[in-house]
PDB file of N, CA and C in Angstrom:
ATOM      1  N   MET A   1       0.811  -1.192   0.000  1.00  0.00           N
ATOM      2  CA  MET A   1       0.000   0.000   0.000  1.00  0.00           C
ATOM      3  C   MET A   1       0.861   1.264   0.000  1.00  0.00           C
ATOM      4  N   VAL A   2       1.916   1.263   0.803  1.00  0.00           N
ATOM      5  CA  VAL A   2       2.810   2.428   0.850  1.00  0.00           C
ATOM      6  C   VAL A   2       3.426   2.655  -0.529  1.00  0.00           C
ATOM      7  N   LEU A   3       3.915   1.592  -1.143  1.00  0.00           N
ATOM      8  CA  LEU A   3       4.544   1.710  -2.460  1.00  0.00           C
ATOM      9  C   LEU A   3       3.566   2.293  -3.475  1.00  0.00           C
ATOM     10  N   GLU A   4       2.357   1.783  -3.510  1.00  0.00           N
ATOM     11  CA  GLU A   4       1.380   2.255  -4.498  1.00  0.00           C
ATOM     12  C   GLU A   4       1.033   3.728  -4.279  1.00  0.00           C
ATOM     13  N   LYS A   5       0.879   4.118  -3.027  1.00  0.00           N
ATOM     14  CA  LYS A   5       0.541   5.511  -2.731  1.00  0.00           C
ATOM     15  C   LYS A   5       1.690   6.442  -3.129  1.00  0.00           C
ATOM     16  N   ILE A   6       2.918   6.027  -2.851  1.00  0.00           N
ATOM     17  CA  ILE A   6       4.086   6.827  -3.226  1.00  0.00           C
ATOM     18  C   ILE A   6       4.194   6.923  -4.746  1.00  0.00           C
ATOM     19  N   LYS A   7       3.950   5.823  -5.436  1.00  0.00           N
ATOM     20  CA  LYS A   7       3.976   5.852  -6.901  1.00  0.00           C
ATOM     21  C   LYS A   7       2.946   6.839  -7.445  1.00  0.00           C
ATOM     22  N   GLU A   8       1.765   6.874  -6.832  1.00  0.00           N
ATOM     23  CA  GLU A   8       0.730   7.806  -7.276  1.00  0.00           C
ATOM     24  C   GLU A   8       1.174   9.255  -7.079  1.00  0.00           C
ATOM     25  N   ILE A   9       1.793   9.535  -5.945  1.00  0.00           N
ATOM     26  CA  ILE A   9       2.281  10.889  -5.667  1.00  0.00           C
ATOM     27  C   ILE A   9       3.333  11.285  -6.701  1.00  0.00           C
ATOM     28  N   ILE A  10       4.269  10.393  -6.959  1.00  0.00           N
ATOM     29  CA  ILE A  10       5.343  10.658  -7.929  1.00  0.00           C
ATOM     30  C   ILE A  10       4.756  10.824  -9.327  1.00  0.00           C
ATOM     31  N   SER A  11       3.822   9.957  -9.667  1.00  0.00           N
ATOM     32  CA  SER A  11       3.177  10.019 -10.982  1.00  0.00           C
ATOM     33  C   SER A  11       2.535  11.382 -11.218  1.00  0.00           C
ATOM     34  N   THR A  12       1.841  11.878 -10.210  1.00  0.00           N
ATOM     35  CA  THR A  12       1.187  13.177 -10.313  1.00  0.00           C
ATOM     36  C   THR A  12       2.209  14.305 -10.405  1.00  0.00           C
ATOM     37  N   GLN A  13       3.195  14.267  -9.528  1.00  0.00           N
ATOM     38  CA  GLN A  13       4.176  15.364  -9.488  1.00  0.00           C
ATOM     39  C   GLN A  13       5.030  15.435 -10.742  1.00  0.00           C
ATOM     40  N   PHE A  14       5.442  14.273 -11.253  1.00  0.00           N
ATOM     41  CA  PHE A  14       6.350  14.253 -12.399  1.00  0.00           C
ATOM     42  C   PHE A  14       5.638  13.978 -13.723  1.00  0.00           C
ATOM     43  N   ASP A  15       4.298  13.869 -13.682  1.00  0.00           N
ATOM     44  CA  ASP A  15       3.505  13.625 -14.882  1.00  0.00           C
ATOM     45  C   ASP A  15       4.033  12.415 -15.648  1.00  0.00           C
ATOM     46  N   ILE A  16       4.057  11.289 -14.946  1.00  0.00           N
ATOM     47  CA  ILE A  16       4.573  10.046 -15.504  1.00  0.00           C
ATOM     48  C   ILE A  16       3.628   8.914 -15.095  1.00  0.00           C
ATOM     49  N   GLU A  17       3.500   7.910 -15.940  1.00  0.00           N
ATOM     50  CA  GLU A  17       2.616   6.777 -15.647  1.00  0.00           C
ATOM     51  C   GLU A  17       3.165   5.955 -14.482  1.00  0.00           C
ATOM     52  N   THR A  18       2.285   5.542 -13.580  1.00  0.00           N
ATOM     53  CA  THR A  18       2.724   4.747 -12.424  1.00  0.00           C
ATOM     54  C   THR A  18       3.349   3.423 -12.866  1.00  0.00           C
ATOM     55  N   GLU A  19       2.888   2.885 -13.976  1.00  0.00           N
ATOM     56  CA  GLU A  19       3.413   1.608 -14.469  1.00  0.00           C
ATOM     57  C   GLU A  19       4.895   1.695 -14.845  1.00  0.00           C
ATOM     58  N   SER A  20       5.357   2.888 -15.149  1.00  0.00           N
ATOM     59  CA  SER A  20       6.758   3.037 -15.550  1.00  0.00           C
ATOM     60  C   SER A  20       7.681   3.204 -14.347  1.00  0.00           C
ATOM     61  N   LEU A  21       7.107   3.237 -13.150  1.00  0.00           N
ATOM     62  CA  LEU A  21       7.905   3.411 -11.940  1.00  0.00           C
ATOM     63  C   LEU A  21       8.154   2.074 -11.266  1.00  0.00           C
ATOM     64  N   SER A  22       9.349   1.900 -10.751  1.00  0.00           N
ATOM     65  CA  SER A  22       9.674   0.696  -9.988  1.00  0.00           C
ATOM     66  C   SER A  22      10.346   1.123  -8.689  1.00  0.00           C
ATOM     67  N   GLU A  23      10.561   0.175  -7.809  1.00  0.00           N
ATOM     68  CA  GLU A  23      11.229   0.487  -6.547  1.00  0.00           C
ATOM     69  C   GLU A  23      12.645   1.000  -6.779  1.00  0.00           C
ATOM     70  N   ASP A  24      13.229   0.639  -7.903  1.00  0.00           N
ATOM     71  CA  ASP A  24      14.602   1.055  -8.207  1.00  0.00           C
ATOM     72  C   ASP A  24      14.678   2.397  -8.926  1.00  0.00           C
ATOM     73  N   THR A  25      13.541   3.007  -9.233  1.00  0.00           N
ATOM     74  CA  THR A  25      13.542   4.299  -9.904  1.00  0.00           C
ATOM     75  C   THR A  25      14.282   5.319  -9.048  1.00  0.00           C
ATOM     76  N   ASN A  26      15.284   5.954  -9.652  1.00  0.00           N
ATOM     77  CA  ASN A  26      16.097   6.952  -8.956  1.00  0.00           C
ATOM     78  C   ASN A  26      15.535   8.336  -9.283  1.00  0.00           C
ATOM     79  N   PHE A  27      15.333   9.131  -8.240  1.00  0.00           N
ATOM     80  CA  PHE A  27      14.720  10.442  -8.448  1.00  0.00           C
ATOM     81  C   PHE A  27      15.582  11.355  -9.318  1.00  0.00           C
ATOM     82  N   LEU A  28      16.873  11.309  -9.125  1.00  0.00           N
ATOM     83  CA  LEU A  28      17.760  12.208  -9.866  1.00  0.00           C
ATOM     84  C   LEU A  28      18.034  11.713 -11.278  1.00  0.00           C
ATOM     85  N   THR A  29      18.488  10.471 -11.393  1.00  0.00           N
ATOM     86  CA  THR A  29      18.907   9.993 -12.713  1.00  0.00           C
ATOM     87  C   THR A  29      17.752   9.541 -13.598  1.00  0.00           C
ATOM     88  N   ASP A  30      16.721   8.925 -13.007  1.00  0.00           N
ATOM     89  CA  ASP A  30      15.617   8.415 -13.826  1.00  0.00           C
ATOM     90  C   ASP A  30      14.513   9.444 -14.059  1.00  0.00           C
ATOM     91  N   LEU A  31      14.277  10.287 -13.064  1.00  0.00           N
ATOM     92  CA  LEU A  31      13.188  11.266 -13.184  1.00  0.00           C
ATOM     93  C   LEU A  31      13.681  12.678 -13.437  1.00  0.00           C
ATOM     94  N   GLY A  32      14.983  12.878 -13.360  1.00  0.00           N
ATOM     95  CA  GLY A  32      15.546  14.199 -13.599  1.00  0.00           C
ATOM     96  C   GLY A  32      15.151  15.224 -12.543  1.00  0.00           C
ATOM     97  N   ALA A  33      14.878  14.744 -11.336  1.00  0.00           N
ATOM     98  CA  ALA A  33      14.465  15.641 -10.260  1.00  0.00           C
ATOM     99  C   ALA A  33      15.635  16.492  -9.785  1.00  0.00           C
ATOM    100  N   ASP A  34      15.333  17.752  -9.477  1.00  0.00           N
ATOM    101  CA  ASP A  34      16.346  18.592  -8.854  1.00  0.00           C
ATOM    102  C   ASP A  34      16.019  18.672  -7.362  1.00  0.00           C
ATOM    103  N   SER A  35      16.809  19.418  -6.617  1.00  0.00           N
ATOM    104  CA  SER A  35      16.627  19.453  -5.168  1.00  0.00           C
ATOM    105  C   SER A  35      15.251  20.011  -4.786  1.00  0.00           C
ATOM    106  N   LEU A  36      14.747  20.966  -5.548  1.00  0.00           N
ATOM    107  CA  LEU A  36      13.422  21.510  -5.269  1.00  0.00           C
ATOM    108  C   LEU A  36      12.337  20.457  -5.480  1.00  0.00           C
ATOM    109  N   ASP A  37      12.465  19.658  -6.547  1.00  0.00           N
ATOM    110  CA  ASP A  37      11.517  18.575  -6.803  1.00  0.00           C
ATOM    111  C   ASP A  37      11.497  17.588  -5.641  1.00  0.00           C
ATOM    112  N   VAL A  38      12.673  17.257  -5.127  1.00  0.00           N
ATOM    113  CA  VAL A  38      12.782  16.290  -4.030  1.00  0.00           C
ATOM    114  C   VAL A  38      12.143  16.854  -2.762  1.00  0.00           C
ATOM    115  N   VAL A  39      12.366  18.124  -2.487  1.00  0.00           N
ATOM    116  CA  VAL A  39      11.747  18.757  -1.318  1.00  0.00           C
ATOM    117  C   VAL A  39      10.225  18.754  -1.465  1.00  0.00           C
ATOM    118  N   GLU A  40       9.730  19.100  -2.640  1.00  0.00           N
ATOM    119  CA  GLU A  40       8.287  19.107  -2.884  1.00  0.00           C
ATOM    120  C   GLU A  40       7.703  17.702  -2.729  1.00  0.00           C
ATOM    121  N   LEU A  41       8.409  16.714  -3.273  1.00  0.00           N
ATOM    122  CA  LEU A  41       7.967  15.328  -3.149  1.00  0.00           C
ATOM    123  C   LEU A  41       7.909  14.924  -1.681  1.00  0.00           C
ATOM    124  N   THR A  42       8.927  15.292  -0.944  1.00  0.00           N
ATOM    125  CA  THR A  42       8.977  14.955   0.474  1.00  0.00           C
ATOM    126  C   THR A  42       7.803  15.581   1.224  1.00  0.00           C
ATOM    127  N   MET A  43       7.504  16.827   0.935  1.00  0.00           N
ATOM    128  CA  MET A  43       6.371  17.493   1.586  1.00  0.00           C
ATOM    129  C   MET A  43       5.052  16.808   1.231  1.00  0.00           C
ATOM    130  N   ASN A  44       4.903  16.380  -0.011  1.00  0.00           N
ATOM    131  CA  ASN A  44       3.692  15.670  -0.427  1.00  0.00           C
ATOM    132  C   ASN A  44       3.555  14.336   0.305  1.00  0.00           C
ATOM    133  N   VAL A  45       4.673  13.657   0.485  1.00  0.00           N
ATOM    134  CA  VAL A  45       4.665  12.373   1.194  1.00  0.00           C
ATOM    135  C   VAL A  45       4.363  12.591   2.679  1.00  0.00           C
ATOM    136  N   GLU A  46       4.946  13.627   3.260  1.00  0.00           N
ATOM    137  CA  GLU A  46       4.657  13.952   4.664  1.00  0.00           C
ATOM    138  C   GLU A  46       3.156  14.160   4.856  1.00  0.00           C
ATOM    139  N   ASP A  47       2.544  14.911   3.957  1.00  0.00           N
ATOM    140  CA  ASP A  47       1.111  15.181   4.049  1.00  0.00           C
ATOM    141  C   ASP A  47       0.284  13.910   3.835  1.00  0.00           C
ATOM    142  N   ALA A  48       0.647  13.129   2.841  1.00  0.00           N
ATOM    143  CA  ALA A  48      -0.121  11.938   2.493  1.00  0.00           C
ATOM    144  C   ALA A  48      -0.102  10.883   3.597  1.00  0.00           C
ATOM    145  N   PHE A  49       1.023  10.773   4.280  1.00  0.00           N
ATOM    146  CA  PHE A  49       1.154   9.746   5.315  1.00  0.00           C
ATOM    147  C   PHE A  49       1.092  10.325   6.724  1.00  0.00           C
ATOM    148  N   ASP A  50       0.846  11.628   6.831  1.00  0.00           N
ATOM    149  CA  ASP A  50       0.755  12.300   8.125  1.00  0.00           C
ATOM    150  C   ASP A  50       1.968  11.972   9.003  1.00  0.00           C
ATOM    151  N   ILE A  51       3.148  12.215   8.435  1.00  0.00           N
ATOM    152  CA  ILE A  51       4.392  11.973   9.172  1.00  0.00           C
ATOM    153  C   ILE A  51       5.075  13.309   9.457  1.00  0.00           C
ATOM    154  N   PRO A  52       5.945  13.322  10.478  1.00  0.00           N
ATOM    155  CA  PRO A  52       6.642  14.569  10.805  1.00  0.00           C
ATOM    156  C   PRO A  52       7.589  14.990   9.690  1.00  0.00           C
ATOM    157  N   GLU A  53       8.012  16.240   9.750  1.00  0.00           N
ATOM    158  CA  GLU A  53       8.921  16.785   8.747  1.00  0.00           C
ATOM    159  C   GLU A  53      10.195  15.947   8.650  1.00  0.00           C
ATOM    160  N   VAL A  54      10.564  15.627   7.437  1.00  0.00           N
ATOM    161  CA  VAL A  54      11.759  14.832   7.177  1.00  0.00           C
ATOM    162  C   VAL A  54      12.970  15.765   7.192  1.00  0.00           C
ATOM    163  N   SER A  55      14.019  15.365   7.901  1.00  0.00           N
ATOM    164  CA  SER A  55      15.205  16.216   7.992  1.00  0.00           C
ATOM    165  C   SER A  55      15.935  16.270   6.657  1.00  0.00           C
ATOM    166  N   GLU A  56      16.683  17.353   6.460  1.00  0.00           N
ATOM    167  CA  GLU A  56      17.465  17.494   5.219  1.00  0.00           C
ATOM    168  C   GLU A  56      18.470  16.362   5.077  1.00  0.00           C
ATOM    169  N   GLU A  57      19.050  15.936   6.170  1.00  0.00           N
ATOM    170  CA  GLU A  57      20.020  14.832   6.134  1.00  0.00           C
ATOM    171  C   GLU A  57      19.350  13.550   5.639  1.00  0.00           C
ATOM    172  N   THR A  58      18.156  13.289   6.121  1.00  0.00           N
ATOM    173  CA  THR A  58      17.419  12.104   5.683  1.00  0.00           C
ATOM    174  C   THR A  58      17.054  12.211   4.214  1.00  0.00           C
ATOM    175  N   ILE A  59      16.608  13.390   3.800  1.00  0.00           N
ATOM    176  CA  ILE A  59      16.242  13.604   2.394  1.00  0.00           C
ATOM    177  C   ILE A  59      17.424  13.278   1.479  1.00  0.00           C
ATOM    178  N   ARG A  60      18.620  13.697   1.865  1.00  0.00           N
ATOM    179  CA  ARG A  60      19.811  13.425   1.034  1.00  0.00           C
ATOM    180  C   ARG A  60      20.060  11.927   0.860  1.00  0.00           C
ATOM    181  N   GLY A  61      19.642  11.123   1.836  1.00  0.00           N
ATOM    182  CA  GLY A  61      19.851   9.680   1.764  1.00  0.00           C
ATOM    183  C   GLY A  61      18.780   8.939   0.982  1.00  0.00           C
ATOM    184  N   ILE A  62      17.713   9.626   0.630  1.00  0.00           N
ATOM    185  CA  ILE A  62      16.619   9.004  -0.119  1.00  0.00           C
ATOM    186  C   ILE A  62      16.834   9.274  -1.602  1.00  0.00           C
ATOM    187  N   GLN A  63      17.220   8.227  -2.320  1.00  0.00           N
ATOM    188  CA  GLN A  63      17.524   8.399  -3.733  1.00  0.00           C
ATOM    189  C   GLN A  63      16.611   7.618  -4.663  1.00  0.00           C
ATOM    190  N   THR A  64      15.986   6.576  -4.124  1.00  0.00           N
ATOM    191  CA  THR A  64      15.101   5.751  -4.951  1.00  0.00           C
ATOM    192  C   THR A  64      13.730   5.639  -4.298  1.00  0.00           C
ATOM    193  N   ILE A  65      12.790   5.136  -5.069  1.00  0.00           N
ATOM    194  CA  ILE A  65      11.461   4.906  -4.512  1.00  0.00           C
ATOM    195  C   ILE A  65      11.553   3.928  -3.352  1.00  0.00           C
ATOM    196  N   ARG A  66      12.372   2.901  -3.473  1.00  0.00           N
ATOM    197  CA  ARG A  66      12.558   1.932  -2.385  1.00  0.00           C
ATOM    198  C   ARG A  66      13.012   2.631  -1.112  1.00  0.00           C
ATOM    199  N   ASP A  67      13.981   3.542  -1.233  1.00  0.00           N
ATOM    200  CA  ASP A  67      14.459   4.284  -0.061  1.00  0.00           C
ATOM    201  C   ASP A  67      13.310   5.038   0.605  1.00  0.00           C
ATOM    202  N   LEU A  68      12.482   5.665  -0.204  1.00  0.00           N
ATOM    203  CA  LEU A  68      11.375   6.458   0.324  1.00  0.00           C
ATOM    204  C   LEU A  68      10.338   5.560   0.996  1.00  0.00           C
ATOM    205  N   VAL A  69      10.018   4.441   0.374  1.00  0.00           N
ATOM    206  CA  VAL A  69       9.066   3.492   0.950  1.00  0.00           C
ATOM    207  C   VAL A  69       9.581   2.995   2.294  1.00  0.00           C
ATOM    208  N   GLU A  70      10.849   2.594   2.344  1.00  0.00           N
ATOM    209  CA  GLU A  70      11.426   2.088   3.591  1.00  0.00           C
ATOM    210  C   GLU A  70      11.400   3.156   4.679  1.00  0.00           C
ATOM    211  N   TYR A  71      11.672   4.395   4.307  1.00  0.00           N
ATOM    212  CA  TYR A  71      11.622   5.471   5.284  1.00  0.00           C
ATOM    213  C   TYR A  71      10.208   5.642   5.832  1.00  0.00           C
ATOM    214  N   VAL A  72       9.230   5.722   4.953  1.00  0.00           N
ATOM    215  CA  VAL A  72       7.845   5.910   5.385  1.00  0.00           C
ATOM    216  C   VAL A  72       7.415   4.774   6.307  1.00  0.00           C
ATOM    217  N   ILE A  73       7.725   3.564   5.934  1.00  0.00           N
ATOM    218  CA  ILE A  73       7.366   2.420   6.770  1.00  0.00           C
ATOM    219  C   ILE A  73       8.025   2.528   8.146  1.00  0.00           C
ATOM    220  N   SER A  74       9.285   2.945   8.162  1.00  0.00           N
ATOM    221  CA  SER A  74      10.013   3.026   9.434  1.00  0.00           C
ATOM    222  C   SER A  74       9.439   4.065  10.392  1.00  0.00           C
ATOM    223  N   VAL A  75       8.852   5.124   9.864  1.00  0.00           N
ATOM    224  CA  VAL A  75       8.305   6.168  10.746  1.00  0.00           C
ATOM    225  C   VAL A  75       6.803   6.021  11.000  1.00  0.00           C
ATOM    226  N   THR A  76       6.158   5.097  10.314  1.00  0.00           N
ATOM    227  CA  THR A  76       4.724   4.918  10.530  1.00  0.00           C
ATOM    228  C   THR A  76       4.395   3.673  11.320  1.00  0.00           C
ATOM    229  N   GLU A  77       5.376   2.840  11.574  1.00  0.00           N
ATOM    230  CA  GLU A  77       5.107   1.605  12.339  1.00  0.00           C
ATOM    231  C   GLU A  77       5.280   1.831  13.805  1.00  0.00           C
TER     232      GLU A  77
END
């Protein structure tokens, strides 16, 4: 469920089909995201999962959809 919801958020933000996204999709190299895109994505995920603000240090460590899913799961369990 977390993966699907994150894919939907990414799909909307980057105007890309959810089917083309995988857990290995890299935000920088595969989606061409810049730092502002990543911050916006993080804020959307915070809102969607009602989680506290993600630190800048943590954001730097999140490079793939898998990383983001694992982070969300770790703070929501």
